[in-house]
Amino acid sequence: MIFVFLAACKQDKTLLTKDSSAFDISTENWPQKSKVSSKALAILKNWPEYGDLDNTFAGLYTVENTEDLTLIIEDLIEKQKLLAESAYPESFDKPQIKSRQKVFQTFVLKTKGDLEYRIDPQQSVKEMIVAYNAWHNQFEIISNNTLDIKKLLEE
């Protein structure tokens, strides 16, 4: 009877080991974070809440398992809240920027949900990175736009 009990315990350990390795994270197939031009960076460097969020996002590429990813996602959620409540730089205080930020926030929360329900988060993380890059692209579009609509309408 003791032999059967020990064999059953040993079998449970192997199941736990196999289950936990199913959620190791591989960052190889993730899209790269887009870079911001010097024009947009000059505006963003005076926005400390964005800098904090960007630094946390950069840590995403160093995760090795779901525990690391969970910590990064939780930190991104907190930084996202602080960023949303902060004063936006005047040139980036636009609906286009805020809507891209909301889309990014949506995919951060989707990734958090995948982690909580023990679903493989790879697809959600990829979508989150795409949303983050689209947000960066919007910074580029606005900072490179030299057309002054108010001046144009006055004429």
N, C-alpha and C. Protein backbone atom coordinates (compact mmCIF):
# COMPACT_ATOMS: atom_id res chain seq x y z
N MET A 1 0.82 -1.19 0.00
CA MET A 1 0.00 0.00 0.00
C MET A 1 0.87 1.27 0.00
N ILE A 2 1.97 1.24 0.76
CA ILE A 2 2.90 2.38 0.78
C ILE A 2 3.51 2.59 -0.59
N PHE A 3 3.84 1.50 -1.26
CA PHE A 3 4.42 1.60 -2.60
C PHE A 3 3.47 2.28 -3.57
N VAL A 4 2.19 1.96 -3.52
CA VAL A 4 1.18 2.57 -4.39
C VAL A 4 1.06 4.06 -4.08
N PHE A 5 1.07 4.40 -2.80
CA PHE A 5 0.97 5.80 -2.39
C PHE A 5 2.17 6.61 -2.90
N LEU A 6 3.38 6.08 -2.76
CA LEU A 6 4.58 6.77 -3.23
C LEU A 6 4.58 6.90 -4.75
N ALA A 7 4.12 5.89 -5.43
CA ALA A 7 4.07 5.94 -6.89
C ALA A 7 3.07 7.01 -7.35
N ALA A 8 1.94 7.12 -6.65
CA ALA A 8 0.93 8.12 -7.00
C ALA A 8 1.46 9.53 -6.76
N CYS A 9 2.20 9.73 -5.67
CA CYS A 9 2.78 11.05 -5.38
C CYS A 9 3.81 11.44 -6.43
N LYS A 10 4.62 10.49 -6.84
CA LYS A 10 5.65 10.75 -7.84
C LYS A 10 5.00 11.14 -9.17
N GLN A 11 3.90 10.47 -9.51
CA GLN A 11 3.20 10.75 -10.75
C GLN A 11 2.63 12.17 -10.74
N ASP A 12 2.10 12.65 -9.62
CA ASP A 12 1.57 14.00 -9.52
C ASP A 12 2.65 15.05 -9.73
N LYS A 13 3.84 14.81 -9.23
CA LYS A 13 4.94 15.77 -9.42
C LYS A 13 5.29 15.93 -10.88
N THR A 14 5.30 14.86 -11.64
CA THR A 14 5.62 14.98 -13.06
C THR A 14 4.53 15.74 -13.80
N LEU A 15 3.27 15.57 -13.39
CA LEU A 15 2.20 16.34 -14.02
C LEU A 15 2.34 17.82 -13.73
N LEU A 16 2.71 18.18 -12.51
CA LEU A 16 2.90 19.58 -12.16
C LEU A 16 4.04 20.19 -12.96
N THR A 17 5.10 19.45 -13.13
CA THR A 17 6.25 19.96 -13.88
C THR A 17 5.88 20.21 -15.34
N LYS A 18 5.16 19.29 -15.93
CA LYS A 18 4.77 19.46 -17.33
C LYS A 18 3.83 20.64 -17.48
N ASP A 19 2.90 20.83 -16.54
CA ASP A 19 1.92 21.90 -16.63
C ASP A 19 2.58 23.27 -16.49
N SER A 20 3.54 23.42 -15.58
CA SER A 20 4.16 24.72 -15.38
C SER A 20 5.05 25.12 -16.55
N SER A 21 5.65 24.16 -17.24
CA SER A 21 6.52 24.51 -18.36
C SER A 21 5.71 24.91 -19.59
N ALA A 22 4.41 24.62 -19.60
CA ALA A 22 3.57 24.99 -20.75
C ALA A 22 3.45 26.50 -20.89
N PHE A 23 3.75 27.24 -19.83
CA PHE A 23 3.59 28.68 -19.88
C PHE A 23 4.91 29.43 -19.79
N ASP A 24 6.00 28.78 -20.22
CA ASP A 24 7.24 29.53 -20.38
C ASP A 24 7.04 30.49 -21.54
N ILE A 25 7.64 31.64 -21.44
CA ILE A 25 7.42 32.69 -22.43
C ILE A 25 8.61 32.77 -23.37
N SER A 26 8.32 32.82 -24.65
CA SER A 26 9.35 33.00 -25.67
C SER A 26 9.11 34.33 -26.36
N THR A 27 10.08 35.23 -26.25
CA THR A 27 9.92 36.57 -26.84
C THR A 27 10.46 36.65 -28.27
N GLU A 28 10.94 35.55 -28.80
CA GLU A 28 11.57 35.55 -30.13
C GLU A 28 10.62 36.00 -31.24
N ASN A 29 9.37 35.56 -31.18
CA ASN A 29 8.42 35.83 -32.25
C ASN A 29 7.61 37.11 -32.05
N TRP A 30 7.93 37.86 -31.03
CA TRP A 30 7.19 39.09 -30.77
C TRP A 30 7.69 40.19 -31.69
N PRO A 31 6.78 41.06 -32.16
CA PRO A 31 7.22 42.21 -32.96
C PRO A 31 8.12 43.13 -32.11
N GLN A 32 9.03 43.80 -32.75
CA GLN A 32 9.90 44.72 -32.02
C GLN A 32 9.17 46.02 -31.72
N LYS A 33 9.56 46.62 -30.62
CA LYS A 33 9.00 47.91 -30.23
C LYS A 33 9.50 48.97 -31.21
N SER A 34 8.59 49.78 -31.72
CA SER A 34 9.00 50.81 -32.68
C SER A 34 9.71 51.96 -31.97
N LYS A 35 10.60 52.56 -32.67
CA LYS A 35 11.35 53.69 -32.12
C LYS A 35 10.62 54.98 -32.46
N VAL A 36 10.84 55.97 -31.62
CA VAL A 36 10.22 57.28 -31.82
C VAL A 36 11.27 58.21 -32.41
N SER A 37 10.85 59.05 -33.34
CA SER A 37 11.79 59.98 -33.97
C SER A 37 12.27 61.02 -32.95
N SER A 38 13.34 61.69 -33.31
CA SER A 38 13.90 62.69 -32.40
C SER A 38 12.93 63.84 -32.17
N LYS A 39 12.11 64.16 -33.18
CA LYS A 39 11.12 65.22 -33.04
C LYS A 39 10.09 64.88 -31.97
N ALA A 40 9.54 63.67 -32.05
CA ALA A 40 8.55 63.23 -31.06
C ALA A 40 9.21 63.00 -29.70
N LEU A 41 10.43 62.50 -29.72
CA LEU A 41 11.15 62.24 -28.47
C LEU A 41 11.42 63.52 -27.69
N ALA A 42 11.65 64.60 -28.40
CA ALA A 42 11.88 65.89 -27.75
C ALA A 42 10.64 66.32 -26.96
N ILE A 43 9.48 65.99 -27.46
CA ILE A 43 8.24 66.32 -26.77
C ILE A 43 7.99 65.33 -25.63
N LEU A 44 8.23 64.06 -25.89
CA LEU A 44 7.94 63.01 -24.91
C LEU A 44 8.88 63.02 -23.71
N LYS A 45 10.09 63.54 -23.88
CA LYS A 45 11.05 63.52 -22.76
C LYS A 45 10.60 64.41 -21.60
N ASN A 46 9.71 65.36 -21.87
CA ASN A 46 9.18 66.23 -20.82
C ASN A 46 7.89 65.68 -20.21
N TRP A 47 7.56 64.46 -20.51
CA TRP A 47 6.36 63.81 -20.01
C TRP A 47 6.80 62.60 -19.19
N PRO A 48 7.07 62.79 -17.90
CA PRO A 48 7.66 61.71 -17.09
C PRO A 48 6.79 60.46 -16.98
N GLU A 49 5.48 60.62 -17.00
CA GLU A 49 4.59 59.46 -16.90
C GLU A 49 4.73 58.56 -18.14
N TYR A 50 4.92 59.19 -19.29
CA TYR A 50 5.14 58.39 -20.50
C TYR A 50 6.49 57.66 -20.41
N GLY A 51 7.51 58.35 -19.93
CA GLY A 51 8.83 57.74 -19.79
C GLY A 51 8.79 56.52 -18.88
N ASP A 52 8.05 56.61 -17.79
CA ASP A 52 7.91 55.47 -16.87
C ASP A 52 7.22 54.29 -17.56
N LEU A 53 6.15 54.59 -18.30
CA LEU A 53 5.43 53.53 -19.00
C LEU A 53 6.31 52.90 -20.07
N ASP A 54 7.06 53.72 -20.79
CA ASP A 54 7.93 53.21 -21.85
C ASP A 54 9.03 52.32 -21.28
N ASN A 55 9.60 52.70 -20.14
CA ASN A 55 10.62 51.87 -19.50
C ASN A 55 10.05 50.53 -19.04
N THR A 56 8.85 50.56 -18.50
CA THR A 56 8.21 49.32 -18.08
C THR A 56 7.93 48.44 -19.30
N PHE A 57 7.46 49.06 -20.39
CA PHE A 57 7.17 48.30 -21.60
C PHE A 57 8.44 47.66 -22.16
N ALA A 58 9.56 48.34 -22.07
CA ALA A 58 10.83 47.78 -22.55
C ALA A 58 11.20 46.52 -21.77
N GLY A 59 10.80 46.45 -20.50
CA GLY A 59 11.06 45.26 -19.69
C GLY A 59 10.28 44.05 -20.15
N LEU A 60 9.29 44.25 -20.98
CA LEU A 60 8.48 43.16 -21.51
C LEU A 60 9.34 42.14 -22.26
N TYR A 61 10.38 42.61 -22.92
CA TYR A 61 11.21 41.74 -23.73
C TYR A 61 12.22 40.93 -22.91
N THR A 62 12.23 41.12 -21.59
CA THR A 62 13.15 40.37 -20.73
C THR A 62 12.45 39.26 -19.96
N VAL A 63 11.14 39.10 -20.15
CA VAL A 63 10.40 38.09 -19.39
C VAL A 63 10.79 36.69 -19.85
N GLU A 64 10.73 35.75 -18.90
CA GLU A 64 11.04 34.36 -19.20
C GLU A 64 9.89 33.41 -18.90
N ASN A 65 8.97 33.85 -18.03
CA ASN A 65 7.85 32.98 -17.66
C ASN A 65 6.63 33.84 -17.35
N THR A 66 5.54 33.17 -17.05
CA THR A 66 4.29 33.90 -16.83
C THR A 66 4.33 34.77 -15.58
N GLU A 67 5.12 34.37 -14.58
CA GLU A 67 5.21 35.19 -13.37
C GLU A 67 5.85 36.54 -13.70
N ASP A 68 6.93 36.51 -14.50
CA ASP A 68 7.57 37.76 -14.92
C ASP A 68 6.61 38.61 -15.73
N LEU A 69 5.90 37.97 -16.65
CA LEU A 69 4.96 38.70 -17.51
C LEU A 69 3.83 39.30 -16.67
N THR A 70 3.36 38.57 -15.68
CA THR A 70 2.30 39.08 -14.81
C THR A 70 2.76 40.34 -14.09
N LEU A 71 3.98 40.34 -13.59
CA LEU A 71 4.51 41.53 -12.90
C LEU A 71 4.60 42.72 -13.84
N ILE A 72 5.08 42.49 -15.05
CA ILE A 72 5.19 43.58 -16.04
C ILE A 72 3.80 44.11 -16.39
N ILE A 73 2.84 43.23 -16.60
CA ILE A 73 1.49 43.65 -16.97
C ILE A 73 0.86 44.45 -15.84
N GLU A 74 1.02 44.00 -14.60
CA GLU A 74 0.48 44.75 -13.46
C GLU A 74 1.10 46.14 -13.38
N ASP A 75 2.40 46.22 -13.61
CA ASP A 75 3.09 47.51 -13.59
C ASP A 75 2.61 48.40 -14.75
N LEU A 76 2.40 47.80 -15.92
CA LEU A 76 1.90 48.56 -17.07
C LEU A 76 0.51 49.13 -16.78
N ILE A 77 -0.32 48.37 -16.10
CA ILE A 77 -1.67 48.85 -15.76
C ILE A 77 -1.58 50.06 -14.85
N GLU A 78 -0.71 49.99 -13.85
CA GLU A 78 -0.54 51.12 -12.92
C GLU A 78 0.03 52.34 -13.64
N LYS A 79 1.03 52.14 -14.48
CA LYS A 79 1.63 53.26 -15.21
C LYS A 79 0.64 53.85 -16.20
N GLN A 80 -0.20 53.00 -16.77
CA GLN A 80 -1.23 53.46 -17.71
C GLN A 80 -2.22 54.38 -17.01
N LYS A 81 -2.61 54.01 -15.80
CA LYS A 81 -3.54 54.84 -15.03
C LYS A 81 -2.93 56.20 -14.72
N LEU A 82 -1.67 56.20 -14.31
CA LEU A 82 -0.98 57.46 -14.00
C LEU A 82 -0.85 58.33 -15.25
N LEU A 83 -0.55 57.69 -16.37
CA LEU A 83 -0.41 58.42 -17.64
C LEU A 83 -1.73 59.05 -18.05
N ALA A 84 -2.82 58.31 -17.92
CA ALA A 84 -4.13 58.82 -18.32
C ALA A 84 -4.55 60.01 -17.47
N GLU A 85 -4.13 60.04 -16.21
CA GLU A 85 -4.49 61.14 -15.32
C GLU A 85 -3.52 62.32 -15.41
N SER A 86 -2.40 62.13 -16.08
CA SER A 86 -1.37 63.18 -16.14
C SER A 86 -1.74 64.25 -17.17
N ALA A 87 -0.97 65.32 -17.13
CA ALA A 87 -1.14 66.40 -18.11
C ALA A 87 -0.37 66.02 -19.37
N TYR A 88 -1.08 65.91 -20.46
CA TYR A 88 -0.46 65.56 -21.74
C TYR A 88 0.31 66.78 -22.27
N PRO A 89 1.40 66.55 -22.99
CA PRO A 89 2.04 67.69 -23.68
C PRO A 89 1.03 68.30 -24.65
N GLU A 90 1.11 69.59 -24.83
CA GLU A 90 0.10 70.29 -25.64
C GLU A 90 -0.04 69.70 -27.04
N SER A 91 1.07 69.38 -27.67
CA SER A 91 0.98 68.87 -29.05
C SER A 91 0.43 67.44 -29.10
N PHE A 92 0.48 66.70 -27.98
CA PHE A 92 -0.05 65.34 -27.96
C PHE A 92 -1.36 65.22 -27.18
N ASP A 93 -1.93 66.33 -26.80
CA ASP A 93 -3.22 66.31 -26.10
C ASP A 93 -4.33 66.31 -27.15
N LYS A 94 -4.39 65.22 -27.87
CA LYS A 94 -5.31 65.09 -29.00
C LYS A 94 -6.10 63.79 -28.89
N PRO A 95 -7.30 63.76 -29.45
CA PRO A 95 -8.10 62.52 -29.41
C PRO A 95 -7.40 61.34 -30.08
N GLN A 96 -6.62 61.60 -31.13
CA GLN A 96 -5.93 60.51 -31.82
C GLN A 96 -4.97 59.78 -30.89
N ILE A 97 -4.26 60.53 -30.06
CA ILE A 97 -3.30 59.95 -29.12
C ILE A 97 -4.05 59.20 -28.02
N LYS A 98 -5.07 59.82 -27.49
CA LYS A 98 -5.82 59.22 -26.38
C LYS A 98 -6.55 57.96 -26.81
N SER A 99 -7.04 57.93 -28.04
CA SER A 99 -7.73 56.72 -28.50
C SER A 99 -6.75 55.57 -28.70
N ARG A 100 -5.57 55.86 -29.23
CA ARG A 100 -4.55 54.81 -29.38
C ARG A 100 -4.11 54.30 -28.02
N GLN A 101 -4.05 55.19 -27.06
CA GLN A 101 -3.69 54.80 -25.70
C GLN A 101 -4.76 53.86 -25.12
N LYS A 102 -6.01 54.14 -25.39
CA LYS A 102 -7.10 53.27 -24.92
C LYS A 102 -7.02 51.89 -25.56
N VAL A 103 -6.69 51.84 -26.84
CA VAL A 103 -6.55 50.56 -27.52
C VAL A 103 -5.41 49.76 -26.89
N PHE A 104 -4.30 50.44 -26.63
CA PHE A 104 -3.17 49.79 -25.96
C PHE A 104 -3.61 49.25 -24.59
N GLN A 105 -4.33 50.06 -23.85
CA GLN A 105 -4.81 49.65 -22.53
C GLN A 105 -5.71 48.42 -22.64
N THR A 106 -6.54 48.38 -23.66
CA THR A 106 -7.43 47.24 -23.87
C THR A 106 -6.63 45.95 -24.03
N PHE A 107 -5.55 46.00 -24.81
CA PHE A 107 -4.76 44.78 -25.02
C PHE A 107 -3.91 44.43 -23.81
N VAL A 108 -3.54 45.41 -23.01
CA VAL A 108 -2.85 45.12 -21.75
C VAL A 108 -3.81 44.33 -20.85
N LEU A 109 -5.05 44.79 -20.77
CA LEU A 109 -6.04 44.11 -19.94
C LEU A 109 -6.40 42.73 -20.50
N LYS A 110 -6.40 42.59 -21.81
CA LYS A 110 -6.65 41.28 -22.42
C LYS A 110 -5.54 40.30 -22.05
N THR A 111 -4.31 40.78 -22.07
CA THR A 111 -3.17 39.94 -21.68
C THR A 111 -3.28 39.55 -20.22
N LYS A 112 -3.68 40.49 -19.38
CA LYS A 112 -3.87 40.19 -17.96
C LYS A 112 -4.93 39.11 -17.78
N GLY A 113 -6.01 39.20 -18.53
CA GLY A 113 -7.06 38.19 -18.47
C GLY A 113 -6.56 36.82 -18.89
N ASP A 114 -5.77 36.77 -19.94
CA ASP A 114 -5.19 35.49 -20.38
C ASP A 114 -4.33 34.88 -19.28
N LEU A 115 -3.56 35.73 -18.62
CA LEU A 115 -2.70 35.23 -17.55
C LEU A 115 -3.51 34.73 -16.36
N GLU A 116 -4.57 35.45 -16.02
CA GLU A 116 -5.40 35.04 -14.88
C GLU A 116 -6.15 33.74 -15.15
N TYR A 117 -6.56 33.53 -16.39
CA TYR A 117 -7.30 32.32 -16.73
C TYR A 117 -6.40 31.22 -17.27
N ARG A 118 -5.09 31.40 -17.14
CA ARG A 118 -4.09 30.40 -17.54
C ARG A 118 -4.21 30.02 -19.01
N ILE A 119 -4.47 31.03 -19.84
CA ILE A 119 -4.50 30.86 -21.29
C ILE A 119 -3.16 31.34 -21.81
N ASP A 120 -2.65 30.69 -22.84
CA ASP A 120 -1.36 31.10 -23.40
C ASP A 120 -1.46 32.56 -23.86
N PRO A 121 -0.64 33.45 -23.30
CA PRO A 121 -0.76 34.88 -23.58
C PRO A 121 -0.02 35.37 -24.82
N GLN A 122 0.60 34.47 -25.57
CA GLN A 122 1.44 34.90 -26.70
C GLN A 122 0.70 35.81 -27.69
N GLN A 123 -0.50 35.40 -28.10
CA GLN A 123 -1.25 36.19 -29.09
C GLN A 123 -1.64 37.55 -28.52
N SER A 124 -2.06 37.58 -27.27
CA SER A 124 -2.45 38.85 -26.65
C SER A 124 -1.27 39.79 -26.53
N VAL A 125 -0.11 39.26 -26.20
CA VAL A 125 1.09 40.09 -26.08
C VAL A 125 1.46 40.68 -27.45
N LYS A 126 1.36 39.87 -28.48
CA LYS A 126 1.65 40.37 -29.83
C LYS A 126 0.70 41.51 -30.22
N GLU A 127 -0.58 41.33 -29.91
CA GLU A 127 -1.57 42.37 -30.20
C GLU A 127 -1.29 43.63 -29.38
N MET A 128 -0.85 43.45 -28.14
CA MET A 128 -0.52 44.59 -27.28
C MET A 128 0.66 45.36 -27.86
N ILE A 129 1.66 44.66 -28.36
CA ILE A 129 2.83 45.31 -28.94
C ILE A 129 2.44 46.07 -30.21
N VAL A 130 1.59 45.47 -31.02
CA VAL A 130 1.10 46.14 -32.24
C VAL A 130 0.36 47.43 -31.87
N ALA A 131 -0.47 47.36 -30.83
CA ALA A 131 -1.20 48.55 -30.37
C ALA A 131 -0.24 49.62 -29.85
N TYR A 132 0.79 49.21 -29.14
CA TYR A 132 1.79 50.15 -28.63
C TYR A 132 2.53 50.82 -29.80
N ASN A 133 2.88 50.03 -30.81
CA ASN A 133 3.56 50.59 -31.98
C ASN A 133 2.65 51.53 -32.76
N ALA A 134 1.35 51.25 -32.81
CA ALA A 134 0.41 52.15 -33.46
C ALA A 134 0.32 53.47 -32.70
N TRP A 135 0.40 53.39 -31.39
CA TRP A 135 0.42 54.60 -30.54
C TRP A 135 1.67 55.42 -30.84
N HIS A 136 2.81 54.75 -30.95
CA HIS A 136 4.06 55.43 -31.33
C HIS A 136 3.94 56.06 -32.72
N ASN A 137 3.32 55.34 -33.63
CA ASN A 137 3.14 55.85 -34.99
C ASN A 137 2.30 57.12 -34.97
N GLN A 138 1.31 57.19 -34.09
CA GLN A 138 0.48 58.38 -33.98
C GLN A 138 1.30 59.57 -33.47
N PHE A 139 2.23 59.31 -32.55
CA PHE A 139 3.15 60.37 -32.10
C PHE A 139 3.93 60.91 -33.29
N GLU A 140 4.38 59.99 -34.14
CA GLU A 140 5.15 60.38 -35.34
C GLU A 140 4.31 61.24 -36.28
N ILE A 141 3.10 60.80 -36.53
CA ILE A 141 2.23 61.52 -37.45
C ILE A 141 1.98 62.94 -36.95
N ILE A 142 1.69 63.07 -35.68
CA ILE A 142 1.38 64.40 -35.13
C ILE A 142 2.63 65.28 -35.08
N SER A 143 3.75 64.71 -34.68
CA SER A 143 4.97 65.54 -34.58
C SER A 143 5.50 65.94 -35.96
N ASN A 144 5.22 65.16 -36.99
CA ASN A 144 5.69 65.48 -38.34
C ASN A 144 4.69 66.31 -39.14
N ASN A 145 3.51 66.52 -38.59
CA ASN A 145 2.49 67.29 -39.29
C ASN A 145 2.81 68.78 -39.18
N THR A 146 3.12 69.41 -40.28
CA THR A 146 3.46 70.83 -40.28
C THR A 146 2.28 71.71 -40.71
N LEU A 147 1.17 71.11 -41.01
CA LEU A 147 -0.01 71.85 -41.44
C LEU A 147 -0.73 72.40 -40.23
N ASP A 148 -0.90 73.70 -40.16
CA ASP A 148 -1.60 74.34 -39.06
C ASP A 148 -3.04 74.57 -39.50
N ILE A 149 -3.93 73.74 -39.00
CA ILE A 149 -5.34 73.77 -39.41
C ILE A 149 -5.99 75.09 -39.01
N LYS A 150 -5.72 75.60 -37.82
CA LYS A 150 -6.34 76.85 -37.38
C LYS A 150 -5.95 78.00 -38.29
N LYS A 151 -4.70 78.05 -38.64
CA LYS A 151 -4.21 79.11 -39.53
C LYS A 151 -4.83 78.97 -40.92
N LEU A 152 -4.95 77.75 -41.38
CA LEU A 152 -5.53 77.48 -42.68
C LEU A 152 -7.01 77.89 -42.72
N LEU A 153 -7.73 77.62 -41.65
CA LEU A 153 -9.15 77.96 -41.60
C LEU A 153 -9.37 79.48 -41.50
N GLU A 154 -8.43 80.17 -40.88
CA GLU A 154 -8.56 81.63 -40.76
C GLU A 154 -8.39 82.30 -42.11
N GLU A 155 -7.63 81.71 -42.97
CA GLU A 155 -7.39 82.31 -44.28
C GLU A 155 -8.52 82.01 -45.17
